[in-house]
Amino acid sequence: MFGHGGNITWLETGEGRNELIARYIKLRTGKTRTRKQVSSHIQVLARRKAKEIQAQFKVQDQAAKDKALQSMASMSSAQIVSASAIHNKAVASGLGGLPSGMSPVRPTYSAAPAAFWGPGMPPQTPDVKPFATPPYGLDTKPNTSHNEVSPPWQGRSIAGPKLRLVEFSAFLEHHREPDSYHKHLFVHIESNASYSDPLLEAVDIKQIYDKFPEKKGGLKELYDKGPQAAFFLVKFWADLNTNGQDDARAFYGVSSQ
C-alpha cells in the first residue's frame, strides 16, 4: 500500500525515532546530535540494560533464563532499553513478568510519527508494518511449556492464522525473438524471517486514512469492517528501469504464494 507518488514519510522506524530524539535534545539543550550519535548511545544503554537483566535472571531456572535470552535476541536496542518491552515479552513467554526489583517503564517515543526512510541508498528489503492491533499469528497467550517454540515468521512477516505471504512479485515479460525471453521484476517481496529479526512495529492507521481516499468509505471503511489485524502496510522500492513497455508482446503480471 502506498500513497500518492508512492511515498509515505510519516511512519515510525529506528532512523525516524533517532531523528526525533536528536531534535528533542536540540530543543531542550541547544546541543546538536546526529542520528548516528543517538543510535550509538541507545546501543550502549541497551548493552548495559541487557547485562542488568541477565544478572536478574540468574536467580531463575535455566529454562526460564534461556527463554528470556531468546526473547531479548529478537528485540532492538531501543526495545531493550525500554523495560516495558522486556516485561511484555516475559509475560507473553510465560515467565511471569520482570524479576523482582524491575518495574516496567512506558516508552515516550512509541507513538511519534517520523520519517520512514532517510536520504541515501534504498534498503534491499521491503519494510512491513502491521497496524496498531496485534497481527494475526502473534499469540499473546502465555506458553504452558518452555518447549513450545513459535515459527520464526510469526510476528515478523505478513501472516494470519491460516494464510501467510511467502512471496510476491510484479513483473514484465516480453519475447523479443522466438527464442529470446526476458523477464523484468518491478517488485519482489519474499519472506525469509529468522529469530534474529525484530518483531514488526505497529502503525496507527489514522495516520494514513487520507492517503487512500474514495467517494465512499475507502481504507477507513475496510479497516472498520475488519478483521483489523489482517491489515499490513508495506513500503517497497520498485525498479522501473526497463525498455519493454511499448512492446506489443509485453505481458504485465503479478504472482504471489
C-alpha atoms as a PDB file:
ATOM      1  CA  MET A   1       0.000   0.000   0.000  1.00  0.00           C
ATOM      2  CA  PHE A   2       1.334   3.432  -0.819  1.00  0.00           C
ATOM      3  CA  GLY A   3       0.056   6.982  -1.111  1.00  0.00           C
ATOM      4  CA  HIS A   4       0.159   9.468  -3.960  1.00  0.00           C
ATOM      5  CA  GLY A   5       3.541   9.435  -5.674  1.00  0.00           C
ATOM      6  CA  GLY A   6       4.400   6.157  -3.976  1.00  0.00           C
ATOM      7  CA  ASN A   7       5.793   7.854  -0.874  1.00  0.00           C
ATOM      8  CA  ILE A   8       4.893   7.553   2.783  1.00  0.00           C
ATOM      9  CA  THR A   9       7.087   9.663   5.021  1.00  0.00           C
ATOM     10  CA  TRP A  10       5.475   9.693   8.437  1.00  0.00           C
ATOM     11  CA  LEU A  11       5.831   6.154   9.759  1.00  0.00           C
ATOM     12  CA  GLU A  12       7.854   5.022  12.759  1.00  0.00           C
ATOM     13  CA  THR A  13      11.315   3.497  12.192  1.00  0.00           C
ATOM     14  CA  GLY A  14      14.526   3.390  14.156  1.00  0.00           C
ATOM     15  CA  GLU A  15      16.028   6.113  11.993  1.00  0.00           C
ATOM     16  CA  GLY A  16      12.947   8.327  12.351  1.00  0.00           C
ATOM     17  CA  ARG A  17      12.867   7.772  16.101  1.00  0.00           C
ATOM     18  CA  ASN A  18      16.522   8.777  16.401  1.00  0.00           C
ATOM     19  CA  GLU A  19      15.816  11.900  14.346  1.00  0.00           C
ATOM     20  CA  LEU A  20      13.030  12.877  16.760  1.00  0.00           C
ATOM     21  CA  ILE A  21      15.274  12.271  19.762  1.00  0.00           C
ATOM     22  CA  ALA A  22      18.012  14.401  18.191  1.00  0.00           C
ATOM     23  CA  ARG A  23      15.532  17.219  17.587  1.00  0.00           C
ATOM     24  CA  TYR A  24      14.259  16.971  21.156  1.00  0.00           C
ATOM     25  CA  ILE A  25      17.819  17.235  22.504  1.00  0.00           C
ATOM     26  CA  LYS A  26      18.380  20.287  20.310  1.00  0.00           C
ATOM     27  CA  LEU A  27      15.215  21.966  21.592  1.00  0.00           C
ATOM     28  CA  ARG A  28      15.858  21.205  25.260  1.00  0.00           C
ATOM     29  CA  THR A  29      19.636  21.703  25.485  1.00  0.00           C
ATOM     30  CA  GLY A  30      20.672  23.532  22.315  1.00  0.00           C
ATOM     31  CA  LYS A  31      23.186  20.752  21.595  1.00  0.00           C
ATOM     32  CA  THR A  32      23.307  19.120  18.170  1.00  0.00           C
ATOM     33  CA  ARG A  33      23.319  15.336  17.980  1.00  0.00           C
ATOM     34  CA  THR A  34      23.293  13.259  14.792  1.00  0.00           C
ATOM     35  CA  ARG A  35      21.147  10.161  14.277  1.00  0.00           C
ATOM     36  CA  LYS A  36      24.307   8.044  14.489  1.00  0.00           C
ATOM     37  CA  GLN A  37      25.231   9.553  17.840  1.00  0.00           C
ATOM     38  CA  VAL A  38      21.732   8.912  19.181  1.00  0.00           C
ATOM     39  CA  SER A  39      21.784   5.354  17.840  1.00  0.00           C
ATOM     40  CA  SER A  40      25.194   4.658  19.394  1.00  0.00           C
ATOM     41  CA  HIS A  41      24.016   5.965  22.763  1.00  0.00           C
ATOM     42  CA  ILE A  42      20.896   3.782  22.635  1.00  0.00           C
ATOM     43  CA  GLN A  43      23.052   0.739  21.836  1.00  0.00           C
ATOM     44  CA  VAL A  44      25.326   1.483  24.808  1.00  0.00           C
ATOM     45  CA  LEU A  45      22.290   1.786  27.079  1.00  0.00           C
ATOM     46  CA  ALA A  46      20.861  -1.433  25.617  1.00  0.00           C
ATOM     47  CA  ARG A  47      24.040  -3.395  26.346  1.00  0.00           C
ATOM     48  CA  ARG A  48      24.082  -2.051  29.896  1.00  0.00           C
ATOM     49  CA  LYS A  49      20.397  -2.882  30.368  1.00  0.00           C
ATOM     50  CA  ALA A  50      20.874  -6.374  28.886  1.00  0.00           C
ATOM     51  CA  LYS A  51      23.650  -7.117  31.388  1.00  0.00           C
ATOM     52  CA  GLU A  52      21.427  -5.951  34.244  1.00  0.00           C
ATOM     53  CA  ILE A  53      18.552  -8.121  33.039  1.00  0.00           C
ATOM     54  CA  GLN A  54      20.777 -11.176  32.599  1.00  0.00           C
ATOM     55  CA  ALA A  55      22.023 -10.694  36.147  1.00  0.00           C
ATOM     56  CA  GLN A  56      18.428 -10.548  37.392  1.00  0.00           C
ATOM     57  CA  PHE A  57      17.531 -13.780  35.576  1.00  0.00           C
ATOM     58  CA  LYS A  58      20.356 -15.705  37.255  1.00  0.00           C
ATOM     59  CA  VAL A  59      18.032 -16.394  40.150  1.00  0.00           C
ATOM     60  CA  GLN A  60      15.602 -18.279  37.868  1.00  0.00           C
ATOM     61  CA  ASP A  61      15.866 -21.795  36.499  1.00  0.00           C
ATOM     62  CA  GLN A  62      17.907 -22.394  33.352  1.00  0.00           C
ATOM     63  CA  ALA A  63      14.894 -22.983  31.088  1.00  0.00           C
ATOM     64  CA  ALA A  64      13.358 -19.639  32.042  1.00  0.00           C
ATOM     65  CA  LYS A  65      16.688 -17.899  31.570  1.00  0.00           C
ATOM     66  CA  ASP A  66      17.139 -19.413  28.082  1.00  0.00           C
ATOM     67  CA  LYS A  67      13.627 -18.346  27.149  1.00  0.00           C
ATOM     68  CA  ALA A  68      14.309 -14.786  28.304  1.00  0.00           C
ATOM     69  CA  LEU A  69      17.594 -14.575  26.399  1.00  0.00           C
ATOM     70  CA  GLN A  70      15.913 -15.868  23.236  1.00  0.00           C
ATOM     71  CA  SER A  71      13.224 -13.208  23.651  1.00  0.00           C
ATOM     72  CA  MET A  72      15.840 -10.487  24.099  1.00  0.00           C
ATOM     73  CA  ALA A  73      17.706 -11.613  20.976  1.00  0.00           C
ATOM     74  CA  SER A  74      14.724 -10.658  18.832  1.00  0.00           C
ATOM     75  CA  MET A  75      14.495  -7.136  20.238  1.00  0.00           C
ATOM     76  CA  SER A  76      16.050  -3.917  19.031  1.00  0.00           C
ATOM     77  CA  SER A  77      18.329  -1.791  21.196  1.00  0.00           C
ATOM     78  CA  ALA A  78      15.503   0.675  21.834  1.00  0.00           C
ATOM     79  CA  GLN A  79      13.195  -2.133  22.958  1.00  0.00           C
ATOM     80  CA  ILE A  80      15.803  -3.480  25.350  1.00  0.00           C
ATOM     81  CA  VAL A  81      16.281  -0.032  26.848  1.00  0.00           C
ATOM     82  CA  SER A  82      12.541   0.102  27.492  1.00  0.00           C
ATOM     83  CA  ALA A  83      11.867  -2.163  30.455  1.00  0.00           C
ATOM     84  CA  SER A  84       8.203  -2.355  29.479  1.00  0.00           C
ATOM     85  CA  ALA A  85       9.147  -4.239  26.308  1.00  0.00           C
ATOM     86  CA  ILE A  86      11.046  -6.802  28.390  1.00  0.00           C
ATOM     87  CA  HIS A  87       8.073  -7.069  30.720  1.00  0.00           C
ATOM     88  CA  ASN A  88       5.566  -7.630  27.906  1.00  0.00           C
ATOM     89  CA  LYS A  89       7.724 -10.258  26.224  1.00  0.00           C
ATOM     90  CA  ALA A  90       8.329 -12.025  29.507  1.00  0.00           C
ATOM     91  CA  VAL A  91       4.601 -12.205  30.207  1.00  0.00           C
ATOM     92  CA  ALA A  92       3.857 -13.439  26.667  1.00  0.00           C
ATOM     93  CA  SER A  93       6.534 -16.118  27.096  1.00  0.00           C
ATOM     94  CA  GLY A  94       5.070 -17.352  30.359  1.00  0.00           C
ATOM     95  CA  LEU A  95       7.951 -16.089  32.509  1.00  0.00           C
ATOM     96  CA  GLY A  96       5.718 -14.210  34.901  1.00  0.00           C
ATOM     97  CA  GLY A  97       6.977 -10.746  34.040  1.00  0.00           C
ATOM     98  CA  LEU A  98      10.115  -8.987  35.219  1.00  0.00           C
ATOM     99  CA  PRO A  99      12.240 -10.288  38.070  1.00  0.00           C
ATOM    100  CA  SER A 100      11.671  -8.647  41.417  1.00  0.00           C
ATOM    101  CA  GLY A 101      13.128  -5.170  41.602  1.00  0.00           C
ATOM    102  CA  MET A 102      12.499  -4.352  37.950  1.00  0.00           C
ATOM    103  CA  SER A 103       9.486  -2.185  37.177  1.00  0.00           C
ATOM    104  CA  PRO A 104       8.025  -1.638  33.703  1.00  0.00           C
ATOM    105  CA  VAL A 105       8.604   1.749  32.096  1.00  0.00           C
ATOM    106  CA  ARG A 106       6.373   3.290  29.485  1.00  0.00           C
ATOM    107  CA  PRO A 107       8.418   4.441  26.461  1.00  0.00           C
ATOM    108  CA  THR A 108       7.789   8.053  25.478  1.00  0.00           C
ATOM    109  CA  TYR A 109       8.537   7.729  21.769  1.00  0.00           C
ATOM    110  CA  SER A 110       6.424   4.772  20.717  1.00  0.00           C
ATOM    111  CA  ALA A 111       3.582   6.699  19.048  1.00  0.00           C
ATOM    112  CA  ALA A 112       5.534   9.554  17.475  1.00  0.00           C
ATOM    113  CA  PRO A 113       5.343   9.853  13.665  1.00  0.00           C
ATOM    114  CA  ALA A 114       8.707  10.105  11.918  1.00  0.00           C
ATOM    115  CA  ALA A 115      10.497   9.774   8.587  1.00  0.00           C
ATOM    116  CA  PHE A 116      10.100   6.332   7.071  1.00  0.00           C
ATOM    117  CA  TRP A 117      13.407   6.167   5.226  1.00  0.00           C
ATOM    118  CA  GLY A 118      16.036   8.873   5.173  1.00  0.00           C
ATOM    119  CA  PRO A 119      18.078  10.011   2.149  1.00  0.00           C
ATOM    120  CA  GLY A 120      20.694   7.716   0.679  1.00  0.00           C
ATOM    121  CA  MET A 121      20.700   4.275  -0.859  1.00  0.00           C
ATOM    122  CA  PRO A 122      17.373   2.426  -0.585  1.00  0.00           C
ATOM    123  CA  PRO A 123      17.181  -0.660   1.607  1.00  0.00           C
ATOM    124  CA  GLN A 124      17.437  -4.039  -0.077  1.00  0.00           C
ATOM    125  CA  THR A 125      14.303  -5.454   1.544  1.00  0.00           C
ATOM    126  CA  PRO A 126      10.767  -4.075   1.893  1.00  0.00           C
ATOM    127  CA  ASP A 127       9.603  -2.695   5.205  1.00  0.00           C
ATOM    128  CA  VAL A 128       6.469  -4.353   6.575  1.00  0.00           C
ATOM    129  CA  LYS A 129       4.453  -2.994   9.471  1.00  0.00           C
ATOM    130  CA  PRO A 130       1.124  -4.123  10.951  1.00  0.00           C
ATOM    131  CA  PHE A 131      -1.440  -1.650  12.168  1.00  0.00           C
ATOM    132  CA  ALA A 132      -1.986  -0.930  15.837  1.00  0.00           C
ATOM    133  CA  THR A 133      -3.826  -4.159  16.699  1.00  0.00           C
ATOM    134  CA  PRO A 134      -1.746  -7.356  17.209  1.00  0.00           C
ATOM    135  CA  PRO A 135      -1.083  -9.095  13.862  1.00  0.00           C
ATOM    136  CA  TYR A 136      -2.539 -12.479  13.047  1.00  0.00           C
ATOM    137  CA  GLY A 137      -0.335 -15.312  14.160  1.00  0.00           C
ATOM    138  CA  LEU A 138       1.094 -13.385  17.126  1.00  0.00           C
ATOM    139  CA  ASP A 139      -0.186 -15.374  20.061  1.00  0.00           C
ATOM    140  CA  THR A 140      -0.342 -13.232  23.190  1.00  0.00           C
ATOM    141  CA  LYS A 141      -1.305 -16.122  25.494  1.00  0.00           C
ATOM    142  CA  PRO A 142       1.406 -17.409  27.839  1.00  0.00           C
ATOM    143  CA  ASN A 143       3.074 -20.633  26.765  1.00  0.00           C
ATOM    144  CA  THR A 144       2.320 -23.581  29.001  1.00  0.00           C
ATOM    145  CA  SER A 145       5.621 -25.248  28.216  1.00  0.00           C
ATOM    146  CA  HIS A 146       9.141 -23.980  27.668  1.00  0.00           C
ATOM    147  CA  ASN A 147       9.407 -26.470  24.791  1.00  0.00           C
ATOM    148  CA  GLU A 148       6.837 -24.562  22.721  1.00  0.00           C
ATOM    149  CA  VAL A 149       8.685 -22.516  20.102  1.00  0.00           C
ATOM    150  CA  SER A 150       6.857 -20.274  17.637  1.00  0.00           C
ATOM    151  CA  PRO A 151       7.930 -20.360  13.968  1.00  0.00           C
ATOM    152  CA  PRO A 152      10.349 -17.552  13.034  1.00  0.00           C
ATOM    153  CA  TRP A 153       7.856 -15.832  10.720  1.00  0.00           C
ATOM    154  CA  GLN A 154       5.279 -15.413  13.489  1.00  0.00           C
ATOM    155  CA  GLY A 155       5.058 -11.705  14.281  1.00  0.00           C
ATOM    156  CA  ARG A 156       7.846 -10.947  11.780  1.00  0.00           C
ATOM    157  CA  SER A 157       6.056 -11.202   8.429  1.00  0.00           C
ATOM    158  CA  ILE A 158       2.673 -10.793   6.724  1.00  0.00           C
ATOM    159  CA  ALA A 159       0.832 -13.714   8.246  1.00  0.00           C
ATOM    160  CA  GLY A 160      -2.524 -14.747   9.651  1.00  0.00           C
ATOM    161  CA  PRO A 161      -3.789 -17.841  11.453  1.00  0.00           C
ATOM    162  CA  LYS A 162      -4.499 -19.600   8.135  1.00  0.00           C
ATOM    163  CA  LEU A 163      -2.615 -17.658   5.466  1.00  0.00           C
ATOM    164  CA  ARG A 164       0.926 -16.344   5.162  1.00  0.00           C
ATOM    165  CA  LEU A 165       2.502 -14.348   2.337  1.00  0.00           C
ATOM    166  CA  VAL A 166       5.649 -16.207   1.269  1.00  0.00           C
ATOM    167  CA  GLU A 167       6.463 -14.275  -1.891  1.00  0.00           C
ATOM    168  CA  PHE A 168       5.025 -11.534  -4.106  1.00  0.00           C
ATOM    169  CA  SER A 169       6.301 -10.134  -7.398  1.00  0.00           C
ATOM    170  CA  ALA A 170       5.156  -7.689 -10.077  1.00  0.00           C
ATOM    171  CA  PHE A 171       6.874  -8.233 -13.401  1.00  0.00           C
ATOM    172  CA  LEU A 172       7.059  -7.575 -17.135  1.00  0.00           C
ATOM    173  CA  GLU A 173       7.620 -10.372 -19.645  1.00  0.00           C
ATOM    174  CA  HIS A 174       8.296  -9.981 -23.343  1.00  0.00           C
ATOM    175  CA  HIS A 175       9.633 -12.097 -26.208  1.00  0.00           C
ATOM    176  CA  ARG A 176      11.915 -10.128 -28.498  1.00  0.00           C
ATOM    177  CA  GLU A 177      12.640 -13.130 -30.689  1.00  0.00           C
ATOM    178  CA  PRO A 178      11.073 -16.601 -30.824  1.00  0.00           C
ATOM    179  CA  ASP A 179      13.921 -17.930 -28.717  1.00  0.00           C
ATOM    180  CA  SER A 180      14.593 -14.766 -26.703  1.00  0.00           C
ATOM    181  CA  TYR A 181      12.703 -14.375 -23.440  1.00  0.00           C
ATOM    182  CA  HIS A 182      13.147 -11.598 -20.884  1.00  0.00           C
ATOM    183  CA  LYS A 183      11.512 -11.026 -17.519  1.00  0.00           C
ATOM    184  CA  HIS A 184      11.893  -7.780 -15.577  1.00  0.00           C
ATOM    185  CA  LEU A 185      10.939  -7.623 -11.903  1.00  0.00           C
ATOM    186  CA  PHE A 186       9.395  -4.341 -10.813  1.00  0.00           C
ATOM    187  CA  VAL A 187       8.842  -5.506  -7.246  1.00  0.00           C
ATOM    188  CA  HIS A 188       9.902  -8.678  -5.477  1.00  0.00           C
ATOM    189  CA  ILE A 189       8.958  -9.304  -1.861  1.00  0.00           C
ATOM    190  CA  GLU A 190       9.910 -12.519  -0.143  1.00  0.00           C
ATOM    191  CA  SER A 191       9.724 -13.622   3.456  1.00  0.00           C
ATOM    192  CA  ASN A 192      12.783 -15.297   4.946  1.00  0.00           C
ATOM    193  CA  ALA A 193      12.212 -14.380   8.568  1.00  0.00           C
ATOM    194  CA  SER A 194      14.551 -15.636  11.269  1.00  0.00           C
ATOM    195  CA  TYR A 195      14.522 -15.432  15.052  1.00  0.00           C
ATOM    196  CA  SER A 196      17.176 -12.712  14.918  1.00  0.00           C
ATOM    197  CA  ASP A 197      14.822 -10.384  13.010  1.00  0.00           C
ATOM    198  CA  PRO A 198      12.938  -7.805  15.104  1.00  0.00           C
ATOM    199  CA  LEU A 199       9.186  -8.108  15.521  1.00  0.00           C
ATOM    200  CA  LEU A 200       7.053  -5.894  13.300  1.00  0.00           C
ATOM    201  CA  GLU A 201       6.278  -2.432  14.622  1.00  0.00           C
ATOM    202  CA  ALA A 202       2.680  -1.230  14.831  1.00  0.00           C
ATOM    203  CA  VAL A 203       1.448   1.755  12.805  1.00  0.00           C
ATOM    204  CA  ASP A 204      -1.589   3.856  13.688  1.00  0.00           C
ATOM    205  CA  ILE A 205      -3.894   3.602  10.674  1.00  0.00           C
ATOM    206  CA  LYS A 206      -5.303   7.066  11.423  1.00  0.00           C
ATOM    207  CA  GLN A 207      -2.048   8.479  10.065  1.00  0.00           C
ATOM    208  CA  ILE A 208      -2.804   7.268   6.540  1.00  0.00           C
ATOM    209  CA  TYR A 209      -6.604   7.371   6.177  1.00  0.00           C
ATOM    210  CA  ASP A 210      -6.419  10.461   3.978  1.00  0.00           C
ATOM    211  CA  LYS A 211      -3.852   8.892   1.632  1.00  0.00           C
ATOM    212  CA  PHE A 212      -6.389   6.371   0.316  1.00  0.00           C
ATOM    213  CA  PRO A 213      -9.498   8.494  -0.303  1.00  0.00           C
ATOM    214  CA  GLU A 214     -12.584   7.165  -2.048  1.00  0.00           C
ATOM    215  CA  LYS A 215     -16.050   8.595  -2.536  1.00  0.00           C
ATOM    216  CA  LYS A 216     -17.460   6.081  -0.093  1.00  0.00           C
ATOM    217  CA  GLY A 217     -15.578   4.548   2.771  1.00  0.00           C
ATOM    218  CA  GLY A 218     -12.137   3.832   1.405  1.00  0.00           C
ATOM    219  CA  LEU A 219      -9.471   2.429   3.668  1.00  0.00           C
ATOM    220  CA  LYS A 220     -11.278   3.522   6.837  1.00  0.00           C
ATOM    221  CA  GLU A 221     -14.400   1.541   5.946  1.00  0.00           C
ATOM    222  CA  LEU A 222     -12.399  -1.577   5.081  1.00  0.00           C
ATOM    223  CA  TYR A 223     -10.420  -1.336   8.293  1.00  0.00           C
ATOM    224  CA  ASP A 224     -13.541  -0.841  10.409  1.00  0.00           C
ATOM    225  CA  LYS A 225     -15.133  -3.925   8.836  1.00  0.00           C
ATOM    226  CA  GLY A 226     -12.061  -5.898   9.831  1.00  0.00           C
ATOM    227  CA  PRO A 227     -10.544  -8.127  10.800  1.00  0.00           C
ATOM    228  CA  GLN A 228      -8.233  -5.246  11.705  1.00  0.00           C
ATOM    229  CA  ALA A 229      -5.276  -7.499  12.457  1.00  0.00           C
ATOM    230  CA  ALA A 230      -5.247  -8.564   8.794  1.00  0.00           C
ATOM    231  CA  PHE A 231      -4.050  -5.127   7.618  1.00  0.00           C
ATOM    232  CA  PHE A 232      -0.357  -4.595   6.911  1.00  0.00           C
ATOM    233  CA  LEU A 233       1.463  -1.604   5.459  1.00  0.00           C
ATOM    234  CA  VAL A 234       4.363  -2.371   3.096  1.00  0.00           C
ATOM    235  CA  LYS A 235       6.909   0.164   1.847  1.00  0.00           C
ATOM    236  CA  PHE A 236       8.996  -1.031  -1.091  1.00  0.00           C
ATOM    237  CA  TRP A 237      11.230   0.212  -3.891  1.00  0.00           C
ATOM    238  CA  ALA A 238      10.231  -0.543  -7.495  1.00  0.00           C
ATOM    239  CA  ASP A 239      12.714  -0.998 -10.348  1.00  0.00           C
ATOM    240  CA  LEU A 240      11.201   0.834 -13.343  1.00  0.00           C
ATOM    241  CA  ASN A 241      14.376   0.737 -15.426  1.00  0.00           C
ATOM    242  CA  THR A 242      13.148  -1.245 -18.417  1.00  0.00           C
ATOM    243  CA  ASN A 243      12.528  -0.532 -22.106  1.00  0.00           C
ATOM    244  CA  GLY A 244       9.824  -3.100 -22.772  1.00  0.00           C
ATOM    245  CA  GLN A 245       6.731  -1.023 -22.002  1.00  0.00           C
ATOM    246  CA  ASP A 246       5.985  -0.196 -25.658  1.00  0.00           C
ATOM    247  CA  ASP A 247       6.417  -3.758 -26.880  1.00  0.00           C
ATOM    248  CA  ALA A 248       3.108  -5.138 -28.162  1.00  0.00           C
ATOM    249  CA  ARG A 249       4.182  -8.586 -26.998  1.00  0.00           C
ATOM    250  CA  ALA A 250       4.860  -7.396 -23.463  1.00  0.00           C
ATOM    251  CA  PHE A 251       2.932  -9.015 -20.643  1.00  0.00           C
ATOM    252  CA  TYR A 252       2.412  -7.401 -17.245  1.00  0.00           C
ATOM    253  CA  GLY A 253       1.649  -9.711 -14.365  1.00  0.00           C
ATOM    254  CA  VAL A 254       1.796 -10.356 -10.650  1.00  0.00           C
ATOM    255  CA  SER A 255       2.360 -13.567  -8.760  1.00  0.00           C
ATOM    256  CA  SER A 256       2.080 -14.489  -5.121  1.00  0.00           C
ATOM    257  CA  GLN A 257       2.213 -17.520  -2.898  1.00  0.00           C
END
